[in-house]
Structures are given as structure tokens and as C-alpha cells.
All heavy atoms as atom14 arrays in JSON, in Angstrom:
{
  "sequence": "TKNKKQNFRLDFKDIEGLGKLTPPETYIGMISYRLEKI",
  "atom14_mask": [
    [1, 1, 1, 1, 1, 1, 1, 0, 0, 0, 0, 0, 0, 0],
    [1, 1, 1, 1, 1, 1, 1, 1, 1, 0, 0, 0, 0, 0],
    [1, 1, 1, 1, 1, 1, 1, 1, 0, 0, 0, 0, 0, 0],
    [1, 1, 1, 1, 1, 1, 1, 1, 1, 0, 0, 0, 0, 0],
    [1, 1, 1, 1, 1, 1, 1, 1, 1, 0, 0, 0, 0, 0],
    [1, 1, 1, 1, 1, 1, 1, 1, 1, 0, 0, 0, 0, 0],
    [1, 1, 1, 1, 1, 1, 1, 1, 0, 0, 0, 0, 0, 0],
    [1, 1, 1, 1, 1, 1, 1, 1, 1, 1, 1, 0, 0, 0],
    [1, 1, 1, 1, 1, 1, 1, 1, 1, 1, 1, 0, 0, 0],
    [1, 1, 1, 1, 1, 1, 1, 1, 0, 0, 0, 0, 0, 0],
    [1, 1, 1, 1, 1, 1, 1, 1, 0, 0, 0, 0, 0, 0],
    [1, 1, 1, 1, 1, 1, 1, 1, 1, 1, 1, 0, 0, 0],
    [1, 1, 1, 1, 1, 1, 1, 1, 1, 0, 0, 0, 0, 0],
    [1, 1, 1, 1, 1, 1, 1, 1, 0, 0, 0, 0, 0, 0],
    [1, 1, 1, 1, 1, 1, 1, 1, 0, 0, 0, 0, 0, 0],
    [1, 1, 1, 1, 1, 1, 1, 1, 1, 0, 0, 0, 0, 0],
    [1, 1, 1, 1, 0, 0, 0, 0, 0, 0, 0, 0, 0, 0],
    [1, 1, 1, 1, 1, 1, 1, 1, 0, 0, 0, 0, 0, 0],
    [1, 1, 1, 1, 0, 0, 0, 0, 0, 0, 0, 0, 0, 0],
    [1, 1, 1, 1, 1, 1, 1, 1, 1, 0, 0, 0, 0, 0],
    [1, 1, 1, 1, 1, 1, 1, 1, 0, 0, 0, 0, 0, 0],
    [1, 1, 1, 1, 1, 1, 1, 0, 0, 0, 0, 0, 0, 0],
    [1, 1, 1, 1, 1, 1, 1, 0, 0, 0, 0, 0, 0, 0],
    [1, 1, 1, 1, 1, 1, 1, 0, 0, 0, 0, 0, 0, 0],
    [1, 1, 1, 1, 1, 1, 1, 1, 1, 0, 0, 0, 0, 0],
    [1, 1, 1, 1, 1, 1, 1, 0, 0, 0, 0, 0, 0, 0],
    [1, 1, 1, 1, 1, 1, 1, 1, 1, 1, 1, 1, 0, 0],
    [1, 1, 1, 1, 1, 1, 1, 1, 0, 0, 0, 0, 0, 0],
    [1, 1, 1, 1, 0, 0, 0, 0, 0, 0, 0, 0, 0, 0],
    [1, 1, 1, 1, 1, 1, 1, 1, 0, 0, 0, 0, 0, 0],
    [1, 1, 1, 1, 1, 1, 1, 1, 0, 0, 0, 0, 0, 0],
    [1, 1, 1, 1, 1, 1, 0, 0, 0, 0, 0, 0, 0, 0],
    [1, 1, 1, 1, 1, 1, 1, 1, 1, 1, 1, 1, 0, 0],
    [1, 1, 1, 1, 1, 1, 1, 1, 1, 1, 1, 0, 0, 0],
    [1, 1, 1, 1, 1, 1, 1, 1, 0, 0, 0, 0, 0, 0],
    [1, 1, 1, 1, 1, 1, 1, 1, 1, 0, 0, 0, 0, 0],
    [1, 1, 1, 1, 1, 1, 1, 1, 1, 0, 0, 0, 0, 0],
    [1, 1, 1, 1, 1, 1, 1, 1, 0, 0, 0, 0, 0, 0]
  ],
  "atom14_positions": [
    [[63.77, -5.75, 104.37], [64.86, -5.16, 103.59], [64.39, -4.79, 102.19], [63.7, -5.56, 101.54], [66.02, -6.17, 103.47], [66.34, -6.67, 104.76], [67.25, -5.52, 102.86], [0.0, 0.0, 0.0], [0.0, 0.0, 0.0], [0.0, 0.0, 0.0], [0.0, 0.0, 0.0], [0.0, 0.0, 0.0], [0.0, 0.0, 0.0], [0.0, 0.0, 0.0]],
    [[64.8, -3.63, 101.74], [64.56, -3.2, 100.36], [65.8, -3.49, 99.55], [66.93, -3.39, 100.04], [64.25, -1.69, 100.3], [63.05, -1.28, 101.11], [61.78, -1.76, 100.48], [60.58, -1.3, 101.29], [59.41, -2.08, 101.01], [0.0, 0.0, 0.0], [0.0, 0.0, 0.0], [0.0, 0.0, 0.0], [0.0, 0.0, 0.0], [0.0, 0.0, 0.0]],
    [[65.6, -3.86, 98.3], [66.68, -4.1, 97.34], [67.7, -5.14, 97.81], [68.9, -4.9, 97.79], [67.39, -2.8, 96.98], [66.51, -1.89, 96.17], [65.75, -2.34, 95.33], [66.58, -0.61, 96.44], [0.0, 0.0, 0.0], [0.0, 0.0, 0.0], [0.0, 0.0, 0.0], [0.0, 0.0, 0.0], [0.0, 0.0, 0.0], [0.0, 0.0, 0.0]],
    [[67.22, -6.28, 98.24], [68.12, -7.4, 98.52], [68.66, -7.88, 97.19], [67.91, -8.03, 96.22], [67.35, -8.56, 99.15], [67.13, -8.47, 100.6], [66.48, -9.76, 101.06], [66.64, -9.95, 102.53], [66.04, -11.19, 103.01], [0.0, 0.0, 0.0], [0.0, 0.0, 0.0], [0.0, 0.0, 0.0], [0.0, 0.0, 0.0], [0.0, 0.0, 0.0]],
    [[69.96, -8.12, 97.13], [70.57, -8.58, 95.89], [71.25, -9.91, 96.12], [71.95, -10.09, 97.1], [71.61, -7.58, 95.38], [71.01, -6.35, 94.78], [72.07, -5.49, 94.14], [71.41, -4.25, 93.57], [72.35, -3.41, 92.85], [0.0, 0.0, 0.0], [0.0, 0.0, 0.0], [0.0, 0.0, 0.0], [0.0, 0.0, 0.0], [0.0, 0.0, 0.0]],
    [[71.02, -10.82, 95.19], [71.68, -12.12, 95.22], [72.15, -12.45, 93.82], [71.4, -12.26, 92.85], [70.71, -13.21, 95.7], [70.32, -13.1, 97.15], [69.35, -14.19, 97.52], [68.16, -13.99, 97.45], [69.86, -15.36, 97.89], [0.0, 0.0, 0.0], [0.0, 0.0, 0.0], [0.0, 0.0, 0.0], [0.0, 0.0, 0.0], [0.0, 0.0, 0.0]],
    [[73.37, -12.91, 93.72], [73.9, -13.38, 92.45], [73.87, -14.9, 92.44], [74.21, -15.53, 93.43], [75.34, -12.91, 92.24], [75.41, -11.51, 91.71], [74.42, -10.8, 91.67], [76.59, -11.09, 91.3], [0.0, 0.0, 0.0], [0.0, 0.0, 0.0], [0.0, 0.0, 0.0], [0.0, 0.0, 0.0], [0.0, 0.0, 0.0], [0.0, 0.0, 0.0]],
    [[73.46, -15.44, 91.3], [73.41, -16.89, 91.14], [74.23, -17.26, 89.91], [73.95, -16.79, 88.81], [71.97, -17.39, 90.96], [71.12, -17.19, 92.16], [70.28, -16.09, 92.26], [71.15, -18.11, 93.19], [69.48, -15.92, 93.38], [70.35, -17.93, 94.32], [69.53, -16.82, 94.4], [0.0, 0.0, 0.0], [0.0, 0.0, 0.0], [0.0, 0.0, 0.0]],
    [[75.24, -18.07, 90.11], [75.99, -18.67, 89.01], [75.75, -20.16, 89.11], [76.17, -20.81, 90.08], [77.48, -18.37, 89.11], [78.26, -19.0, 87.98], [79.76, -18.87, 88.16], [80.44, -19.78, 87.29], [81.21, -19.43, 86.28], [81.4, -18.15, 86.04], [81.79, -20.33, 85.52], [0.0, 0.0, 0.0], [0.0, 0.0, 0.0], [0.0, 0.0, 0.0]],
    [[75.07, -20.7, 88.12], [74.66, -22.09, 88.15], [75.36, -22.83, 87.01], [75.08, -22.61, 85.84], [73.14, -22.2, 88.0], [72.34, -21.37, 89.03], [70.87, -21.37, 88.68], [72.57, -21.89, 90.42], [0.0, 0.0, 0.0], [0.0, 0.0, 0.0], [0.0, 0.0, 0.0], [0.0, 0.0, 0.0], [0.0, 0.0, 0.0], [0.0, 0.0, 0.0]],
    [[76.29, -23.7, 87.39], [77.07, -24.46, 86.43], [76.35, -25.75, 86.08], [75.88, -26.48, 86.95], [78.44, -24.8, 87.02], [79.29, -23.57, 87.24], [79.54, -22.86, 86.25], [79.72, -23.33, 88.39], [0.0, 0.0, 0.0], [0.0, 0.0, 0.0], [0.0, 0.0, 0.0], [0.0, 0.0, 0.0], [0.0, 0.0, 0.0], [0.0, 0.0, 0.0]],
    [[76.32, -26.05, 84.78], [75.67, -27.29, 84.34], [76.47, -28.52, 84.78], [75.91, -29.59, 84.93], [75.48, -27.27, 82.82], [74.49, -26.22, 82.38], [74.89, -25.15, 81.62], [73.16, -26.3, 82.76], [73.98, -24.18, 81.22], [72.25, -25.34, 82.38], [72.66, -24.27, 81.61], [0.0, 0.0, 0.0], [0.0, 0.0, 0.0], [0.0, 0.0, 0.0]],
    [[77.74, -28.36, 85.03], [78.56, -29.5, 85.48], [78.14, -29.97, 86.88], [78.4, -31.1, 87.25], [80.04, -29.15, 85.46], [80.48, -28.16, 86.49], [81.99, -27.98, 86.42], [82.52, -26.94, 87.21], [82.55, -26.3, 88.23], [0.0, 0.0, 0.0], [0.0, 0.0, 0.0], [0.0, 0.0, 0.0], [0.0, 0.0, 0.0], [0.0, 0.0, 0.0]],
    [[77.44, -29.11, 87.63], [77.0, -29.5, 88.97], [75.94, -30.59, 88.94], [75.75, -31.3, 89.93], [76.47, -28.28, 89.74], [77.57, -27.29, 90.09], [78.76, -27.68, 90.04], [77.24, -26.14, 90.39], [0.0, 0.0, 0.0], [0.0, 0.0, 0.0], [0.0, 0.0, 0.0], [0.0, 0.0, 0.0], [0.0, 0.0, 0.0], [0.0, 0.0, 0.0]],
    [[75.22, -30.69, 87.84], [74.21, -31.75, 87.74], [74.67, -32.86, 86.8], [73.92, -33.77, 86.5], [72.85, -31.19, 87.29], [72.96, -30.47, 85.96], [72.27, -30.3, 88.35], [71.62, -30.09, 85.38], [0.0, 0.0, 0.0], [0.0, 0.0, 0.0], [0.0, 0.0, 0.0], [0.0, 0.0, 0.0], [0.0, 0.0, 0.0], [0.0, 0.0, 0.0]],
    [[75.91, -32.78, 86.38], [76.49, -33.8, 85.5], [76.52, -35.15, 86.22], [76.85, -35.25, 87.38], [77.92, -33.37, 85.14], [78.67, -34.31, 84.27], [80.08, -33.8, 84.0], [80.53, -32.87, 84.68], [80.71, -34.34, 83.11], [0.0, 0.0, 0.0], [0.0, 0.0, 0.0], [0.0, 0.0, 0.0], [0.0, 0.0, 0.0], [0.0, 0.0, 0.0]],
    [[76.17, -36.16, 85.5], [76.26, -37.52, 86.04], [75.06, -37.95, 86.84], [75.01, -39.08, 87.31], [0.0, 0.0, 0.0], [0.0, 0.0, 0.0], [0.0, 0.0, 0.0], [0.0, 0.0, 0.0], [0.0, 0.0, 0.0], [0.0, 0.0, 0.0], [0.0, 0.0, 0.0], [0.0, 0.0, 0.0], [0.0, 0.0, 0.0], [0.0, 0.0, 0.0]],
    [[74.09, -37.05, 87.03], [72.87, -37.47, 87.73], [72.05, -38.34, 86.79], [71.87, -38.02, 85.64], [72.06, -36.26, 88.18], [72.74, -35.35, 89.2], [71.85, -34.16, 89.5], [73.03, -36.11, 90.48], [0.0, 0.0, 0.0], [0.0, 0.0, 0.0], [0.0, 0.0, 0.0], [0.0, 0.0, 0.0], [0.0, 0.0, 0.0], [0.0, 0.0, 0.0]],
    [[71.58, -39.43, 87.28], [70.88, -40.38, 86.42], [69.41, -40.51, 86.77], [68.86, -39.81, 87.59], [0.0, 0.0, 0.0], [0.0, 0.0, 0.0], [0.0, 0.0, 0.0], [0.0, 0.0, 0.0], [0.0, 0.0, 0.0], [0.0, 0.0, 0.0], [0.0, 0.0, 0.0], [0.0, 0.0, 0.0], [0.0, 0.0, 0.0], [0.0, 0.0, 0.0]],
    [[68.83, -41.47, 86.11], [67.4, -41.77, 86.28], [67.27, -42.97, 87.2], [67.93, -43.99, 86.98], [66.81, -42.05, 84.9], [65.37, -42.45, 84.91], [64.93, -42.69, 83.47], [63.55, -43.28, 83.45], [63.14, -43.61, 82.08], [0.0, 0.0, 0.0], [0.0, 0.0, 0.0], [0.0, 0.0, 0.0], [0.0, 0.0, 0.0], [0.0, 0.0, 0.0]],
    [[66.44, -42.86, 88.21], [66.19, -43.99, 89.11], [65.05, -44.85, 88.57], [64.03, -44.33, 88.14], [65.82, -43.48, 90.51], [66.91, -42.73, 91.27], [66.35, -42.2, 92.57], [68.07, -43.65, 91.55], [0.0, 0.0, 0.0], [0.0, 0.0, 0.0], [0.0, 0.0, 0.0], [0.0, 0.0, 0.0], [0.0, 0.0, 0.0], [0.0, 0.0, 0.0]],
    [[65.25, -46.14, 88.61], [64.2, -47.05, 88.2], [63.97, -48.04, 89.32], [64.88, -48.81, 89.63], [64.59, -47.8, 86.91], [64.91, -46.83, 85.91], [63.47, -48.67, 86.42], [0.0, 0.0, 0.0], [0.0, 0.0, 0.0], [0.0, 0.0, 0.0], [0.0, 0.0, 0.0], [0.0, 0.0, 0.0], [0.0, 0.0, 0.0], [0.0, 0.0, 0.0]],
    [[62.85, -48.06, 89.94], [61.71, -47.17, 89.75], [61.99, -45.78, 90.33], [62.85, -45.62, 91.18], [60.59, -47.87, 90.52], [61.28, -48.67, 91.57], [62.6, -49.07, 90.98], [0.0, 0.0, 0.0], [0.0, 0.0, 0.0], [0.0, 0.0, 0.0], [0.0, 0.0, 0.0], [0.0, 0.0, 0.0], [0.0, 0.0, 0.0], [0.0, 0.0, 0.0]],
    [[61.24, -44.78, 89.87], [61.44, -43.4, 90.35], [61.21, -43.28, 91.86], [60.56, -44.12, 92.47], [60.38, -42.6, 89.59], [60.06, -43.44, 88.4], [60.23, -44.85, 88.83], [0.0, 0.0, 0.0], [0.0, 0.0, 0.0], [0.0, 0.0, 0.0], [0.0, 0.0, 0.0], [0.0, 0.0, 0.0], [0.0, 0.0, 0.0], [0.0, 0.0, 0.0]],
    [[61.75, -42.24, 92.43], [61.69, -42.06, 93.88], [60.45, -41.31, 94.37], [60.16, -41.3, 95.54], [62.94, -41.36, 94.38], [63.1, -39.97, 93.82], [64.42, -39.33, 94.16], [65.42, -40.02, 94.25], [64.42, -38.11, 94.36], [0.0, 0.0, 0.0], [0.0, 0.0, 0.0], [0.0, 0.0, 0.0], [0.0, 0.0, 0.0], [0.0, 0.0, 0.0]],
    [[59.73, -40.66, 93.48], [58.55, -39.89, 93.9], [57.28, -40.67, 93.63], [57.26, -41.58, 92.78], [58.48, -38.53, 93.17], [58.3, -38.79, 91.78], [59.73, -37.7, 93.41], [0.0, 0.0, 0.0], [0.0, 0.0, 0.0], [0.0, 0.0, 0.0], [0.0, 0.0, 0.0], [0.0, 0.0, 0.0], [0.0, 0.0, 0.0], [0.0, 0.0, 0.0]],
    [[56.21, -40.28, 94.3], [54.94, -40.97, 94.09], [54.42, -40.78, 92.68], [53.94, -41.71, 92.05], [53.9, -40.47, 95.11], [54.21, -40.88, 96.51], [54.48, -39.93, 97.49], [54.24, -42.22, 96.87], [54.78, -40.31, 98.79], [54.54, -42.61, 98.16], [54.81, -41.65, 99.11], [55.11, -42.03, 100.38], [0.0, 0.0, 0.0], [0.0, 0.0, 0.0]],
    [[54.53, -39.57, 92.16], [54.08, -39.3, 90.8], [54.9, -40.13, 89.81], [54.36, -40.72, 88.88], [54.17, -37.8, 90.47], [53.26, -36.98, 91.4], [53.86, -37.52, 89.01], [51.79, -37.26, 91.23], [0.0, 0.0, 0.0], [0.0, 0.0, 0.0], [0.0, 0.0, 0.0], [0.0, 0.0, 0.0], [0.0, 0.0, 0.0], [0.0, 0.0, 0.0]],
    [[56.19, -40.19, 90.02], [57.05, -41.0, 89.16], [56.7, -42.48, 89.25], [56.73, -43.2, 88.25], [0.0, 0.0, 0.0], [0.0, 0.0, 0.0], [0.0, 0.0, 0.0], [0.0, 0.0, 0.0], [0.0, 0.0, 0.0], [0.0, 0.0, 0.0], [0.0, 0.0, 0.0], [0.0, 0.0, 0.0], [0.0, 0.0, 0.0], [0.0, 0.0, 0.0]],
    [[56.38, -42.95, 90.45], [56.0, -44.35, 90.63], [54.7, -44.66, 89.91], [54.56, -45.74, 89.32], [55.85, -44.67, 92.13], [57.17, -44.8, 92.85], [58.1, -46.21, 92.28], [57.3, -47.51, 93.2], [0.0, 0.0, 0.0], [0.0, 0.0, 0.0], [0.0, 0.0, 0.0], [0.0, 0.0, 0.0], [0.0, 0.0, 0.0], [0.0, 0.0, 0.0]],
    [[53.76, -43.75, 89.92], [52.49, -43.98, 89.22], [52.76, -44.15, 87.73], [52.28, -45.09, 87.1], [51.51, -42.82, 89.48], [51.04, -42.83, 90.94], [50.31, -42.88, 88.53], [50.28, -41.6, 91.37], [0.0, 0.0, 0.0], [0.0, 0.0, 0.0], [0.0, 0.0, 0.0], [0.0, 0.0, 0.0], [0.0, 0.0, 0.0], [0.0, 0.0, 0.0]],
    [[53.56, -43.25, 87.17], [53.89, -43.33, 85.76], [54.63, -44.63, 85.45], [54.33, -45.31, 84.45], [54.76, -42.13, 85.38], [55.24, -42.26, 84.08], [0.0, 0.0, 0.0], [0.0, 0.0, 0.0], [0.0, 0.0, 0.0], [0.0, 0.0, 0.0], [0.0, 0.0, 0.0], [0.0, 0.0, 0.0], [0.0, 0.0, 0.0], [0.0, 0.0, 0.0]],
    [[55.56, -44.99, 86.29], [56.34, -46.22, 86.11], [55.42, -47.45, 86.12], [55.51, -48.33, 85.26], [57.4, -46.31, 87.21], [58.21, -47.57, 87.2], [59.23, -47.77, 86.28], [57.97, -48.57, 88.15], [59.98, -48.94, 86.28], [58.72, -49.74, 88.16], [59.72, -49.91, 87.22], [60.46, -51.06, 87.23], [0.0, 0.0, 0.0], [0.0, 0.0, 0.0]],
    [[54.53, -47.53, 87.11], [53.63, -48.68, 87.22], [52.62, -48.72, 86.07], [52.3, -49.8, 85.56], [52.89, -48.65, 88.56], [53.81, -48.77, 89.76], [54.46, -50.12, 89.81], [55.37, -50.18, 90.96], [56.36, -51.01, 91.06], [56.6, -51.87, 90.11], [57.14, -51.0, 92.12], [0.0, 0.0, 0.0], [0.0, 0.0, 0.0], [0.0, 0.0, 0.0]],
    [[52.13, -47.58, 85.64], [51.2, -47.54, 84.51], [51.88, -48.03, 83.24], [51.26, -48.73, 82.42], [50.64, -46.13, 84.31], [49.6, -45.67, 85.31], [49.24, -44.21, 85.09], [48.35, -46.54, 85.24], [0.0, 0.0, 0.0], [0.0, 0.0, 0.0], [0.0, 0.0, 0.0], [0.0, 0.0, 0.0], [0.0, 0.0, 0.0], [0.0, 0.0, 0.0]],
    [[53.13, -47.67, 83.08], [53.89, -48.13, 81.92], [54.04, -49.66, 81.94], [53.89, -50.31, 80.91], [55.26, -47.46, 81.92], [56.07, -47.7, 80.66], [57.37, -46.93, 80.69], [57.36, -45.72, 80.98], [58.42, -47.57, 80.42], [0.0, 0.0, 0.0], [0.0, 0.0, 0.0], [0.0, 0.0, 0.0], [0.0, 0.0, 0.0], [0.0, 0.0, 0.0]],
    [[54.3, -50.21, 83.12], [54.42, -51.68, 83.24], [53.07, -52.35, 82.93], [53.03, -53.37, 82.25], [54.9, -52.06, 84.64], [56.37, -51.79, 84.85], [56.77, -52.37, 86.19], [58.13, -52.89, 86.17], [58.47, -54.15, 85.71], [0.0, 0.0, 0.0], [0.0, 0.0, 0.0], [0.0, 0.0, 0.0], [0.0, 0.0, 0.0], [0.0, 0.0, 0.0]],
    [[51.99, -51.78, 83.44], [50.65, -52.34, 83.17], [50.35, -52.28, 81.68], [49.81, -53.24, 81.1], [49.57, -51.59, 83.99], [49.75, -51.88, 85.49], [48.18, -51.94, 83.52], [48.92, -51.0, 86.39], [0.0, 0.0, 0.0], [0.0, 0.0, 0.0], [0.0, 0.0, 0.0], [0.0, 0.0, 0.0], [0.0, 0.0, 0.0], [0.0, 0.0, 0.0]]
  ]
}
């Protein structure tokens, strides 16, 4: 398809209330978390 069009309206309230997991859920986050503890 040529000229596919998509509109995106992204409200900041949709990510409202999302917090930080301790320890983080990703491997990279876990490495940082463990290094900080060390």
C-alpha cells in the first residue's frame, strides 16, 4: 500500500500511576539493581 495513514493520539493520563518495580523486571534492570546493592 502507498500512503498508509495512521493517526496517533497519545494521552499522558494513560501511563499515569505506573510505578517502579523493585527489583526491576528486566535483566538489564536487575543488573543495575544488583550492582547498586553491591
